Amino acid sequence: LLLGTTITISSNHWVMAWTGLEINTLAILPLISKSHHPRAIEAATKYFLVQAAASALVLFSSMTNAWHTGQWDITQLTHPVSCLILTSAIAMKLGLVPFHFWFPEVLQGSPLTTGLLLSTIMKLPPMALLFMTSPSLNPTLLTTMAILSTALGGWMGLNQTQTRKILAFSSISHLGWMAIIVIYNPKLTLLNFYLYALMTSTVFLTLNSIKALKLSTLMTTWTKAPALNTMLLLTLLSLAGLPPLTGFLPKWLIIQELTKQDMAPAATIISLLSLLGLFFYLRLAYCATITLPPHTTNHMKLWYTNKPTSILVAILTTMSI
């Protein structure tokens, strides 16, 4: 995984970038299908097919570009057709709408720690490619995809009960925010991505330590780890982008940059669509901390636990609030 990511991020040549992406895909497959459950195998197969198609498109777009311009350099992607093909390839790799259908299914089929890798580290190489080719991409296409991603990520996350699927749709809507700004200010995309990865890691690790896969199990966890659950509430609100918390910063900067670029309507639409995301984060937060389960719990309220929270979760939570 680390090797593939490093190769892609540090490469100048398209074939090297493609090699890195392939190494990455093959490295994560055993992690997805580790449990040998039919759903995990299905998730691994879906992931492999989608990523293989996306890699083929990356190779195809770079070859088209090299055919027309004689350049294999990543930053020299100038041919419009290869730009379009590359945009769709990266959207497939990231799970941007309209290529988002594989992502919630794959996340649902894999364990929480693998889900964490899939929604943070595996998004880094395609993001790096998007960052490097950003000057030559088509703004209309990316803006349309971004607004659709935020909309669909919000709408489809509303009626989910599985925490992994909710996090998958939240990832899709966050990717919409990153894609809309990548042409105008690529550094903001990277900032948004880092903060998103930080907060999502926190949520995944917290859910992993309290073993909550469904909203119904999340309701009874407050007796096991009250302090952790309170922090989960704050992290979720930070993911939603509420003002005093970290998650508000990239959204604010993106809206500011969009209004500078005379794209106030797009900024308004994407801000309103993020309210949908806020709704399901609030529902997660409600289930985690505020709602009492309908039946009384029998065991004692433990304000101290024998199993201390891992240092990593503590550090990540502190950073992401």
C-alpha atoms as a PDB file:
ATOM      1  CA  LEU A   1       0.000   0.000   0.000  1.00  0.00           C
ATOM      2  CA  LEU A   2       2.657   2.479   1.072  1.00  0.00           C
ATOM      3  CA  LEU A   3       4.823   1.592  -1.928  1.00  0.00           C
ATOM      4  CA  GLY A   4       1.981   2.050  -4.428  1.00  0.00           C
ATOM      5  CA  THR A   5       0.903   5.350  -2.900  1.00  0.00           C
ATOM      6  CA  THR A   6       4.471   6.674  -2.832  1.00  0.00           C
ATOM      7  CA  ILE A   7       5.130   5.643  -6.458  1.00  0.00           C
ATOM      8  CA  THR A   8       1.980   7.384  -7.707  1.00  0.00           C
ATOM      9  CA  ILE A   9       2.494  10.576  -5.734  1.00  0.00           C
ATOM     10  CA  SER A  10       6.146  10.986  -6.663  1.00  0.00           C
ATOM     11  CA  SER A  11       5.937   9.974 -10.334  1.00  0.00           C
ATOM     12  CA  ASN A  12       6.271  12.249 -13.346  1.00  0.00           C
ATOM     13  CA  HIS A  13       5.584   9.624 -15.980  1.00  0.00           C
ATOM     14  CA  TRP A  14       2.068   8.306 -16.621  1.00  0.00           C
ATOM     15  CA  VAL A  15       3.130   4.647 -16.701  1.00  0.00           C
ATOM     16  CA  MET A  16       4.738   4.957 -13.266  1.00  0.00           C
ATOM     17  CA  ALA A  17       1.577   6.544 -11.880  1.00  0.00           C
ATOM     18  CA  TRP A  18      -0.454   3.698 -13.360  1.00  0.00           C
ATOM     19  CA  THR A  19       1.914   1.115 -11.820  1.00  0.00           C
ATOM     20  CA  GLY A  20       1.481   2.715  -8.404  1.00  0.00           C
ATOM     21  CA  LEU A  21      -2.315   2.635  -8.713  1.00  0.00           C
ATOM     22  CA  GLU A  22      -2.226  -1.052  -9.682  1.00  0.00           C
ATOM     23  CA  ILE A  23       0.063  -1.988  -6.760  1.00  0.00           C
ATOM     24  CA  ASN A  24      -2.355  -0.175  -4.458  1.00  0.00           C
ATOM     25  CA  THR A  25      -5.400  -1.999  -5.785  1.00  0.00           C
ATOM     26  CA  LEU A  26      -3.774  -5.410  -5.483  1.00  0.00           C
ATOM     27  CA  ALA A  27      -2.491  -4.646  -1.986  1.00  0.00           C
ATOM     28  CA  ILE A  28      -5.897  -3.772  -0.535  1.00  0.00           C
ATOM     29  CA  LEU A  29      -7.773  -6.758  -2.048  1.00  0.00           C
ATOM     30  CA  PRO A  30      -6.598  -9.340   0.557  1.00  0.00           C
ATOM     31  CA  LEU A  31      -7.489  -6.856   3.321  1.00  0.00           C
ATOM     32  CA  ILE A  32     -11.063  -6.560   2.021  1.00  0.00           C
ATOM     33  CA  SER A  33     -11.607 -10.304   1.588  1.00  0.00           C
ATOM     34  CA  LYS A  34      -9.837 -11.242   4.834  1.00  0.00           C
ATOM     35  CA  SER A  35     -12.951 -12.494   6.635  1.00  0.00           C
ATOM     36  CA  HIS A  36     -13.900 -14.991   3.840  1.00  0.00           C
ATOM     37  CA  HIS A  37     -17.523 -13.957   4.256  1.00  0.00           C
ATOM     38  CA  PRO A  38     -19.477 -14.065   0.939  1.00  0.00           C
ATOM     39  CA  ARG A  39     -20.167 -10.324   1.271  1.00  0.00           C
ATOM     40  CA  ALA A  40     -16.454  -9.591   1.737  1.00  0.00           C
ATOM     41  CA  ILE A  41     -15.570 -11.641  -1.363  1.00  0.00           C
ATOM     42  CA  GLU A  42     -18.286  -9.803  -3.294  1.00  0.00           C
ATOM     43  CA  ALA A  43     -16.900  -6.452  -2.113  1.00  0.00           C
ATOM     44  CA  ALA A  44     -13.367  -7.439  -3.164  1.00  0.00           C
ATOM     45  CA  THR A  45     -14.583  -8.521  -6.618  1.00  0.00           C
ATOM     46  CA  LYS A  46     -16.524  -5.278  -7.144  1.00  0.00           C
ATOM     47  CA  TYR A  47     -13.548  -3.239  -5.986  1.00  0.00           C
ATOM     48  CA  PHE A  48     -11.168  -5.099  -8.303  1.00  0.00           C
ATOM     49  CA  LEU A  49     -13.395  -4.715 -11.378  1.00  0.00           C
ATOM     50  CA  VAL A  50     -14.007  -0.987 -10.841  1.00  0.00           C
ATOM     51  CA  GLN A  51     -10.379  -0.174 -10.118  1.00  0.00           C
ATOM     52  CA  ALA A  52      -9.151  -2.247 -13.062  1.00  0.00           C
ATOM     53  CA  ALA A  53     -11.519  -0.370 -15.384  1.00  0.00           C
ATOM     54  CA  ALA A  54     -10.371   2.962 -13.950  1.00  0.00           C
ATOM     55  CA  SER A  55      -6.688   2.046 -14.349  1.00  0.00           C
ATOM     56  CA  ALA A  56      -7.313   1.016 -17.954  1.00  0.00           C
ATOM     57  CA  LEU A  57      -8.929   4.405 -18.566  1.00  0.00           C
ATOM     58  CA  VAL A  58      -5.952   6.199 -16.973  1.00  0.00           C
ATOM     59  CA  LEU A  59      -3.608   4.328 -19.294  1.00  0.00           C
ATOM     60  CA  PHE A  60      -5.868   4.983 -22.282  1.00  0.00           C
ATOM     61  CA  SER A  61      -6.078   8.741 -21.606  1.00  0.00           C
ATOM     62  CA  SER A  62      -2.311   9.058 -21.172  1.00  0.00           C
ATOM     63  CA  MET A  63      -1.714   7.102 -24.392  1.00  0.00           C
ATOM     64  CA  THR A  64      -4.169   9.309 -26.287  1.00  0.00           C
ATOM     65  CA  ASN A  65      -2.355  12.350 -24.953  1.00  0.00           C
ATOM     66  CA  ALA A  66       1.052  10.935 -25.862  1.00  0.00           C
ATOM     67  CA  TRP A  67      -0.255  10.047 -29.335  1.00  0.00           C
ATOM     68  CA  HIS A  68      -1.333  13.638 -29.982  1.00  0.00           C
ATOM     69  CA  THR A  69       1.373  15.611 -28.182  1.00  0.00           C
ATOM     70  CA  GLY A  70       4.331  13.236 -27.743  1.00  0.00           C
ATOM     71  CA  GLN A  71       4.375  14.012 -24.002  1.00  0.00           C
ATOM     72  CA  TRP A  72       4.292  11.345 -21.275  1.00  0.00           C
ATOM     73  CA  ASP A  73       4.688  13.907 -18.510  1.00  0.00           C
ATOM     74  CA  ILE A  74       1.763  14.027 -16.042  1.00  0.00           C
ATOM     75  CA  THR A  75       1.627  17.815 -15.892  1.00  0.00           C
ATOM     76  CA  GLN A  76       1.580  18.110 -19.710  1.00  0.00           C
ATOM     77  CA  LEU A  77      -1.894  16.658 -20.202  1.00  0.00           C
ATOM     78  CA  THR A  78      -3.196  19.049 -22.847  1.00  0.00           C
ATOM     79  CA  HIS A  79      -5.405  17.087 -25.237  1.00  0.00           C
ATOM     80  CA  PRO A  80      -9.107  17.733 -24.388  1.00  0.00           C
ATOM     81  CA  VAL A  81     -10.325  14.166 -25.059  1.00  0.00           C
ATOM     82  CA  SER A  82      -7.672  12.627 -22.836  1.00  0.00           C
ATOM     83  CA  CYS A  83      -8.566  15.204 -20.159  1.00  0.00           C
ATOM     84  CA  LEU A  84     -12.187  14.024 -20.229  1.00  0.00           C
ATOM     85  CA  ILE A  85     -11.195  10.351 -20.090  1.00  0.00           C
ATOM     86  CA  LEU A  86      -8.811  11.030 -17.221  1.00  0.00           C
ATOM     87  CA  THR A  87     -11.459  12.932 -15.258  1.00  0.00           C
ATOM     88  CA  SER A  88     -13.856  10.009 -15.544  1.00  0.00           C
ATOM     89  CA  ALA A  89     -11.091   7.541 -14.610  1.00  0.00           C
ATOM     90  CA  ILE A  90     -10.200   9.489 -11.466  1.00  0.00           C
ATOM     91  CA  ALA A  91     -13.891   9.861 -10.621  1.00  0.00           C
ATOM     92  CA  MET A  92     -14.177   6.066 -10.836  1.00  0.00           C
ATOM     93  CA  LYS A  93     -11.159   5.623  -8.593  1.00  0.00           C
ATOM     94  CA  LEU A  94     -12.449   8.095  -6.011  1.00  0.00           C
ATOM     95  CA  GLY A  95     -16.128   7.195  -6.167  1.00  0.00           C
ATOM     96  CA  LEU A  96     -17.438  10.536  -7.426  1.00  0.00           C
ATOM     97  CA  VAL A  97     -20.979  10.576  -8.849  1.00  0.00           C
ATOM     98  CA  PRO A  98     -21.886   9.051 -11.415  1.00  0.00           C
ATOM     99  CA  PHE A  99     -19.280   6.351 -10.671  1.00  0.00           C
ATOM    100  CA  HIS A 100     -20.087   6.110  -6.971  1.00  0.00           C
ATOM    101  CA  PHE A 101     -22.181   2.916  -6.835  1.00  0.00           C
ATOM    102  CA  TRP A 102     -19.316   0.591  -5.924  1.00  0.00           C
ATOM    103  CA  PHE A 103     -18.096   2.533  -2.901  1.00  0.00           C
ATOM    104  CA  PRO A 104     -20.871   2.023  -0.278  1.00  0.00           C
ATOM    105  CA  GLU A 105     -21.145  -1.668  -1.234  1.00  0.00           C
ATOM    106  CA  VAL A 106     -17.411  -2.266  -0.901  1.00  0.00           C
ATOM    107  CA  LEU A 107     -17.244  -0.382   2.388  1.00  0.00           C
ATOM    108  CA  GLN A 108     -20.198  -2.359   3.744  1.00  0.00           C
ATOM    109  CA  GLY A 109     -18.496  -5.649   2.852  1.00  0.00           C
ATOM    110  CA  SER A 110     -15.130  -4.861   4.450  1.00  0.00           C
ATOM    111  CA  PRO A 111     -14.173  -4.592   8.151  1.00  0.00           C
ATOM    112  CA  LEU A 112     -13.939  -1.149   9.803  1.00  0.00           C
ATOM    113  CA  THR A 113     -10.138  -0.894   9.688  1.00  0.00           C
ATOM    114  CA  THR A 114     -10.077  -1.762   5.969  1.00  0.00           C
ATOM    115  CA  GLY A 115     -12.911   0.733   5.476  1.00  0.00           C
ATOM    116  CA  LEU A 116     -10.669   3.339   7.054  1.00  0.00           C
ATOM    117  CA  LEU A 117      -7.887   2.529   4.562  1.00  0.00           C
ATOM    118  CA  LEU A 118     -10.334   2.574   1.651  1.00  0.00           C
ATOM    119  CA  SER A 119     -11.784   5.968   2.484  1.00  0.00           C
ATOM    120  CA  THR A 120      -8.509   7.725   3.365  1.00  0.00           C
ATOM    121  CA  ILE A 121      -5.247   6.235   2.041  1.00  0.00           C
ATOM    122  CA  MET A 122      -6.717   4.714  -1.132  1.00  0.00           C
ATOM    123  CA  LYS A 123      -8.064   8.136  -2.104  1.00  0.00           C
ATOM    124  CA  LEU A 124      -4.650   9.776  -1.870  1.00  0.00           C
ATOM    125  CA  PRO A 125      -3.054   8.629  -5.213  1.00  0.00           C
ATOM    126  CA  PRO A 126      -6.060   9.630  -7.387  1.00  0.00           C
ATOM    127  CA  MET A 127      -6.189  12.941  -5.472  1.00  0.00           C
ATOM    128  CA  ALA A 128      -2.507  13.492  -6.235  1.00  0.00           C
ATOM    129  CA  LEU A 129      -3.135  12.870  -9.946  1.00  0.00           C
ATOM    130  CA  LEU A 130      -6.076  15.275  -9.867  1.00  0.00           C
ATOM    131  CA  PHE A 131      -3.848  17.852  -8.150  1.00  0.00           C
ATOM    132  CA  MET A 132      -1.093  17.508 -10.769  1.00  0.00           C
ATOM    133  CA  THR A 133      -3.405  17.670 -13.797  1.00  0.00           C
ATOM    134  CA  SER A 134      -5.767  20.316 -12.354  1.00  0.00           C
ATOM    135  CA  PRO A 135      -4.786  23.220 -14.698  1.00  0.00           C
ATOM    136  CA  SER A 136      -5.898  21.360 -17.825  1.00  0.00           C
ATOM    137  CA  LEU A 137      -9.148  19.759 -16.622  1.00  0.00           C
ATOM    138  CA  ASN A 138     -12.631  20.742 -17.751  1.00  0.00           C
ATOM    139  CA  PRO A 139     -14.236  23.066 -15.146  1.00  0.00           C
ATOM    140  CA  THR A 140     -17.875  22.505 -16.195  1.00  0.00           C
ATOM    141  CA  LEU A 141     -17.608  18.726 -15.952  1.00  0.00           C
ATOM    142  CA  LEU A 142     -15.894  18.788 -12.568  1.00  0.00           C
ATOM    143  CA  THR A 143     -18.326  21.330 -11.093  1.00  0.00           C
ATOM    144  CA  THR A 144     -21.312  19.294 -12.293  1.00  0.00           C
ATOM    145  CA  MET A 145     -19.844  16.096 -10.862  1.00  0.00           C
ATOM    146  CA  ALA A 146     -19.029  17.838  -7.585  1.00  0.00           C
ATOM    147  CA  ILE A 147     -22.528  19.246  -7.058  1.00  0.00           C
ATOM    148  CA  LEU A 148     -24.105  15.900  -7.987  1.00  0.00           C
ATOM    149  CA  SER A 149     -21.774  14.103  -5.567  1.00  0.00           C
ATOM    150  CA  THR A 150     -22.693  16.389  -2.693  1.00  0.00           C
ATOM    151  CA  ALA A 151     -26.386  15.994  -3.503  1.00  0.00           C
ATOM    152  CA  LEU A 152     -26.385  12.223  -3.882  1.00  0.00           C
ATOM    153  CA  GLY A 153     -24.013  11.678  -0.969  1.00  0.00           C
ATOM    154  CA  GLY A 154     -26.451  13.624   1.208  1.00  0.00           C
ATOM    155  CA  TRP A 155     -29.689  12.129  -0.112  1.00  0.00           C
ATOM    156  CA  MET A 156     -28.647   8.503  -0.176  1.00  0.00           C
ATOM    157  CA  GLY A 157     -27.103   8.689   3.274  1.00  0.00           C
ATOM    158  CA  LEU A 158     -30.381   9.824   4.830  1.00  0.00           C
ATOM    159  CA  ASN A 159     -32.122   6.470   5.230  1.00  0.00           C
ATOM    160  CA  GLN A 160     -29.109   4.260   6.003  1.00  0.00           C
ATOM    161  CA  THR A 161     -28.841   2.328   9.255  1.00  0.00           C
ATOM    162  CA  GLN A 162     -25.380   0.823   8.733  1.00  0.00           C
ATOM    163  CA  THR A 163     -22.614   3.076  10.031  1.00  0.00           C
ATOM    164  CA  ARG A 164     -20.188   2.035   7.278  1.00  0.00           C
ATOM    165  CA  LYS A 165     -22.634   2.966   4.525  1.00  0.00           C
ATOM    166  CA  ILE A 166     -23.328   6.325   6.189  1.00  0.00           C
ATOM    167  CA  LEU A 167     -19.584   6.989   6.262  1.00  0.00           C
ATOM    168  CA  ALA A 168     -19.324   5.960   2.597  1.00  0.00           C
ATOM    169  CA  PHE A 169     -21.975   8.490   1.559  1.00  0.00           C
ATOM    170  CA  SER A 170     -20.362  11.145   3.744  1.00  0.00           C
ATOM    171  CA  SER A 171     -17.123  10.423   1.888  1.00  0.00           C
ATOM    172  CA  ILE A 172     -18.869  10.887  -1.476  1.00  0.00           C
ATOM    173  CA  SER A 173     -20.258  14.283  -0.456  1.00  0.00           C
ATOM    174  CA  HIS A 174     -16.858  15.402   0.895  1.00  0.00           C
ATOM    175  CA  LEU A 175     -15.252  14.402  -2.404  1.00  0.00           C
ATOM    176  CA  GLY A 176     -17.764  16.708  -4.084  1.00  0.00           C
ATOM    177  CA  TRP A 177     -16.400  19.613  -2.038  1.00  0.00           C
ATOM    178  CA  MET A 178     -12.853  18.670  -3.038  1.00  0.00           C
ATOM    179  CA  ALA A 179     -13.635  18.307  -6.743  1.00  0.00           C
ATOM    180  CA  ILE A 180     -15.399  21.672  -7.098  1.00  0.00           C
ATOM    181  CA  ILE A 181     -12.354  23.669  -6.019  1.00  0.00           C
ATOM    182  CA  VAL A 182      -9.516  21.616  -7.566  1.00  0.00           C
ATOM    183  CA  ILE A 183      -9.293  23.755 -10.720  1.00  0.00           C
ATOM    184  CA  TYR A 184      -9.323  27.123  -8.969  1.00  0.00           C
ATOM    185  CA  ASN A 185      -7.220  26.366  -5.916  1.00  0.00           C
ATOM    186  CA  PRO A 186      -5.700  22.862  -5.780  1.00  0.00           C
ATOM    187  CA  LYS A 187      -4.020  23.513  -2.415  1.00  0.00           C
ATOM    188  CA  LEU A 188      -7.471  23.933  -0.829  1.00  0.00           C
ATOM    189  CA  THR A 189      -8.415  20.504  -2.191  1.00  0.00           C
ATOM    190  CA  LEU A 190      -5.401  19.010  -0.441  1.00  0.00           C
ATOM    191  CA  LEU A 191      -6.187  20.825   2.810  1.00  0.00           C
ATOM    192  CA  ASN A 192      -9.773  19.586   2.630  1.00  0.00           C
ATOM    193  CA  PHE A 193      -8.567  16.055   1.928  1.00  0.00           C
ATOM    194  CA  TYR A 194      -6.129  16.001   4.851  1.00  0.00           C
ATOM    195  CA  LEU A 195      -8.722  17.296   7.307  1.00  0.00           C
ATOM    196  CA  TYR A 196     -11.346  14.909   5.939  1.00  0.00           C
ATOM    197  CA  ALA A 197      -8.920  11.966   6.295  1.00  0.00           C
ATOM    198  CA  LEU A 198      -8.124  13.033   9.852  1.00  0.00           C
ATOM    199  CA  MET A 199     -11.773  13.250  10.940  1.00  0.00           C
ATOM    200  CA  THR A 200     -12.849  10.078   9.131  1.00  0.00           C
ATOM    201  CA  SER A 201      -9.964   8.134  10.702  1.00  0.00           C
ATOM    202  CA  THR A 202     -11.153   9.322  14.094  1.00  0.00           C
ATOM    203  CA  VAL A 203     -14.741   8.194  13.453  1.00  0.00           C
ATOM    204  CA  PHE A 204     -13.677   4.815  12.044  1.00  0.00           C
ATOM    205  CA  LEU A 205     -11.270   4.095  14.909  1.00  0.00           C
ATOM    206  CA  THR A 206     -13.844   5.143  17.513  1.00  0.00           C
ATOM    207  CA  LEU A 207     -16.498   2.925  15.935  1.00  0.00           C
ATOM    208  CA  ASN A 208     -13.938   0.146  15.766  1.00  0.00           C
ATOM    209  CA  SER A 209     -13.106   0.420  19.463  1.00  0.00           C
ATOM    210  CA  ILE A 210     -16.786   0.400  20.494  1.00  0.00           C
ATOM    211  CA  LYS A 211     -17.598  -2.238  17.821  1.00  0.00           C
ATOM    212  CA  ALA A 212     -20.603  -0.370  16.421  1.00  0.00           C
ATOM    213  CA  LEU A 213     -21.631  -1.449  12.923  1.00  0.00           C
ATOM    214  CA  LYS A 214     -25.315  -0.466  13.069  1.00  0.00           C
ATOM    215  CA  LEU A 215     -27.178   2.488  14.547  1.00  0.00           C
ATOM    216  CA  SER A 216     -28.985   0.146  16.946  1.00  0.00           C
ATOM    217  CA  THR A 217     -25.683  -1.037  18.457  1.00  0.00           C
ATOM    218  CA  LEU A 218     -24.524   2.567  18.615  1.00  0.00           C
ATOM    219  CA  MET A 219     -27.453   3.342  20.920  1.00  0.00           C
ATOM    220  CA  THR A 220     -26.236   1.036  23.672  1.00  0.00           C
ATOM    221  CA  THR A 221     -22.556   1.982  23.542  1.00  0.00           C
ATOM    222  CA  TRP A 222     -22.807   5.058  25.756  1.00  0.00           C
ATOM    223  CA  THR A 223     -22.808   2.823  28.825  1.00  0.00           C
ATOM    224  CA  LYS A 224     -19.532   1.207  27.756  1.00  0.00           C
ATOM    225  CA  ALA A 225     -17.474   4.274  26.907  1.00  0.00           C
ATOM    226  CA  PRO A 226     -19.274   7.530  27.734  1.00  0.00           C
ATOM    227  CA  ALA A 227     -16.233   9.771  27.288  1.00  0.00           C
ATOM    228  CA  LEU A 228     -15.402   8.272  23.886  1.00  0.00           C
ATOM    229  CA  ASN A 229     -18.997   8.675  22.767  1.00  0.00           C
ATOM    230  CA  THR A 230     -19.046  12.326  23.757  1.00  0.00           C
ATOM    231  CA  MET A 231     -15.928  12.893  21.676  1.00  0.00           C
ATOM    232  CA  LEU A 232     -17.582  10.990  18.800  1.00  0.00           C
ATOM    233  CA  LEU A 233     -20.444  13.512  18.933  1.00  0.00           C
ATOM    234  CA  LEU A 234     -17.999  16.389  18.510  1.00  0.00           C
ATOM    235  CA  THR A 235     -16.055  14.651  15.732  1.00  0.00           C
ATOM    236  CA  LEU A 236     -19.255  13.956  13.793  1.00  0.00           C
ATOM    237  CA  LEU A 237     -20.310  17.587  14.078  1.00  0.00           C
ATOM    238  CA  SER A 238     -16.830  18.547  12.889  1.00  0.00           C
ATOM    239  CA  LEU A 239     -17.269  16.248   9.846  1.00  0.00           C
ATOM    240  CA  ALA A 240     -20.572  17.976   9.166  1.00  0.00           C
ATOM    241  CA  GLY A 241     -18.709  21.290   9.110  1.00  0.00           C
ATOM    242  CA  LEU A 242     -20.253  23.192  12.015  1.00  0.00           C
ATOM    243  CA  PRO A 243     -18.497  26.499  12.730  1.00  0.00           C
ATOM    244  CA  PRO A 244     -16.307  26.329  15.839  1.00  0.00           C
ATOM    245  CA  LEU A 245     -14.903  22.924  14.827  1.00  0.00           C
ATOM    246  CA  THR A 246     -12.107  21.999  12.386  1.00  0.00           C
ATOM    247  CA  GLY A 247     -14.401  20.731   9.625  1.00  0.00           C
ATOM    248  CA  PHE A 248     -15.796  24.213   9.076  1.00  0.00           C
ATOM    249  CA  LEU A 249     -12.443  25.656   7.956  1.00  0.00           C
ATOM    250  CA  PRO A 250     -12.097  23.992   4.505  1.00  0.00           C
ATOM    251  CA  LYS A 251     -15.783  24.590   3.692  1.00  0.00           C
ATOM    252  CA  TRP A 252     -15.476  28.262   4.573  1.00  0.00           C
ATOM    253  CA  LEU A 253     -12.309  28.681   2.496  1.00  0.00           C
ATOM    254  CA  ILE A 254     -13.868  26.830  -0.463  1.00  0.00           C
ATOM    255  CA  ILE A 255     -17.002  29.004  -0.399  1.00  0.00           C
ATOM    256  CA  GLN A 256     -14.811  32.113  -0.207  1.00  0.00           C
ATOM    257  CA  GLU A 257     -12.699  30.973  -3.188  1.00  0.00           C
ATOM    258  CA  LEU A 258     -15.788  30.074  -5.242  1.00  0.00           C
ATOM    259  CA  THR A 259     -17.313  33.522  -4.684  1.00  0.00           C
ATOM    260  CA  LYS A 260     -13.999  35.082  -5.766  1.00  0.00           C
ATOM    261  CA  GLN A 261     -14.255  33.067  -8.995  1.00  0.00           C
ATOM    262  CA  ASP A 262     -17.785  34.459  -9.659  1.00  0.00           C
ATOM    263  CA  MET A 263     -19.336  31.108  -8.853  1.00  0.00           C
ATOM    264  CA  ALA A 264     -21.671  32.259  -6.106  1.00  0.00           C
ATOM    265  CA  PRO A 265     -24.627  30.124  -7.357  1.00  0.00           C
ATOM    266  CA  ALA A 266     -22.488  26.967  -7.231  1.00  0.00           C
ATOM    267  CA  ALA A 267     -21.262  27.903  -3.761  1.00  0.00           C
ATOM    268  CA  THR A 268     -24.853  28.460  -2.575  1.00  0.00           C
ATOM    269  CA  ILE A 269     -26.056  25.139  -4.013  1.00  0.00           C
ATOM    270  CA  ILE A 270     -23.197  23.115  -2.557  1.00  0.00           C
ATOM    271  CA  SER A 271     -23.596  24.771   0.864  1.00  0.00           C
ATOM    272  CA  LEU A 272     -27.324  23.991   0.921  1.00  0.00           C
ATOM    273  CA  LEU A 273     -26.662  20.406  -0.141  1.00  0.00           C
ATOM    274  CA  SER A 274     -24.231  19.921   2.725  1.00  0.00           C
ATOM    275  CA  LEU A 275     -27.228  20.396   5.047  1.00  0.00           C
ATOM    276  CA  LEU A 276     -28.380  16.948   3.948  1.00  0.00           C
ATOM    277  CA  GLY A 277     -25.091  15.582   5.216  1.00  0.00           C
ATOM    278  CA  LEU A 278     -25.552  17.485   8.455  1.00  0.00           C
ATOM    279  CA  PHE A 279     -28.855  15.669   8.964  1.00  0.00           C
ATOM    280  CA  PHE A 280     -27.394  12.180   8.969  1.00  0.00           C
ATOM    281  CA  TYR A 281     -24.338  13.189  11.009  1.00  0.00           C
ATOM    282  CA  LEU A 282     -26.760  14.590  13.572  1.00  0.00           C
ATOM    283  CA  ARG A 283     -28.679  11.327  13.485  1.00  0.00           C
ATOM    284  CA  LEU A 284     -25.483   9.385  14.129  1.00  0.00           C
ATOM    285  CA  ALA A 285     -24.605  11.781  16.932  1.00  0.00           C
ATOM    286  CA  TYR A 286     -28.089  11.486  18.420  1.00  0.00           C
ATOM    287  CA  CYS A 287     -27.897   7.711  18.382  1.00  0.00           C
ATOM    288  CA  ALA A 288     -24.429   7.778  19.893  1.00  0.00           C
ATOM    289  CA  THR A 289     -24.953  10.194  22.761  1.00  0.00           C
ATOM    290  CA  ILE A 290     -28.355  11.756  23.217  1.00  0.00           C
ATOM    291  CA  THR A 291     -30.954   9.049  22.619  1.00  0.00           C
ATOM    292  CA  LEU A 292     -31.644   6.472  25.299  1.00  0.00           C
ATOM    293  CA  PRO A 293     -32.328   2.934  24.070  1.00  0.00           C
ATOM    294  CA  PRO A 294     -35.981   1.889  24.398  1.00  0.00           C
ATOM    295  CA  HIS A 295     -35.204  -0.890  26.889  1.00  0.00           C
ATOM    296  CA  THR A 296     -33.223  -0.366  30.084  1.00  0.00           C
ATOM    297  CA  THR A 297     -29.645  -1.568  30.098  1.00  0.00           C
ATOM    298  CA  ASN A 298     -28.701  -3.940  32.841  1.00  0.00           C
ATOM    299  CA  HIS A 299     -25.022  -3.364  33.308  1.00  0.00           C
ATOM    300  CA  MET A 300     -23.376  -0.656  35.337  1.00  0.00           C
ATOM    301  CA  LYS A 301     -22.415   2.681  33.851  1.00  0.00           C
ATOM    302  CA  LEU A 302     -18.661   2.504  33.507  1.00  0.00           C
ATOM    303  CA  TRP A 303     -17.010   5.877  33.740  1.00  0.00           C
ATOM    304  CA  TYR A 304     -13.644   4.148  33.770  1.00  0.00           C
ATOM    305  CA  THR A 305     -12.812   1.126  31.688  1.00  0.00           C
ATOM    306  CA  ASN A 306     -10.304  -1.636  32.140  1.00  0.00           C
ATOM    307  CA  LYS A 307      -9.373  -1.354  28.480  1.00  0.00           C
ATOM    308  CA  PRO A 308      -7.999   2.162  27.968  1.00  0.00           C
ATOM    309  CA  THR A 309      -8.671   4.000  24.715  1.00  0.00           C
ATOM    310  CA  SER A 310      -5.736   3.729  22.344  1.00  0.00           C
ATOM    311  CA  ILE A 311      -3.424   6.752  22.211  1.00  0.00           C
ATOM    312  CA  LEU A 312      -3.951   7.056  18.448  1.00  0.00           C
ATOM    313  CA  VAL A 313      -7.706   7.568  18.835  1.00  0.00           C
ATOM    314  CA  ALA A 314      -7.102  10.162  21.543  1.00  0.00           C
ATOM    315  CA  ILE A 315      -4.610  12.143  19.452  1.00  0.00           C
ATOM    316  CA  LEU A 316      -6.765  11.985  16.288  1.00  0.00           C
ATOM    317  CA  THR A 317      -9.883  13.062  18.184  1.00  0.00           C
ATOM    318  CA  THR A 318      -8.103  16.018  19.720  1.00  0.00           C
ATOM    319  CA  MET A 319      -6.792  17.089  16.317  1.00  0.00           C
ATOM    320  CA  SER A 320     -10.097  16.726  14.509  1.00  0.00           C
ATOM    321  CA  ILE A 321     -12.263  18.692  16.916  1.00  0.00           C
END
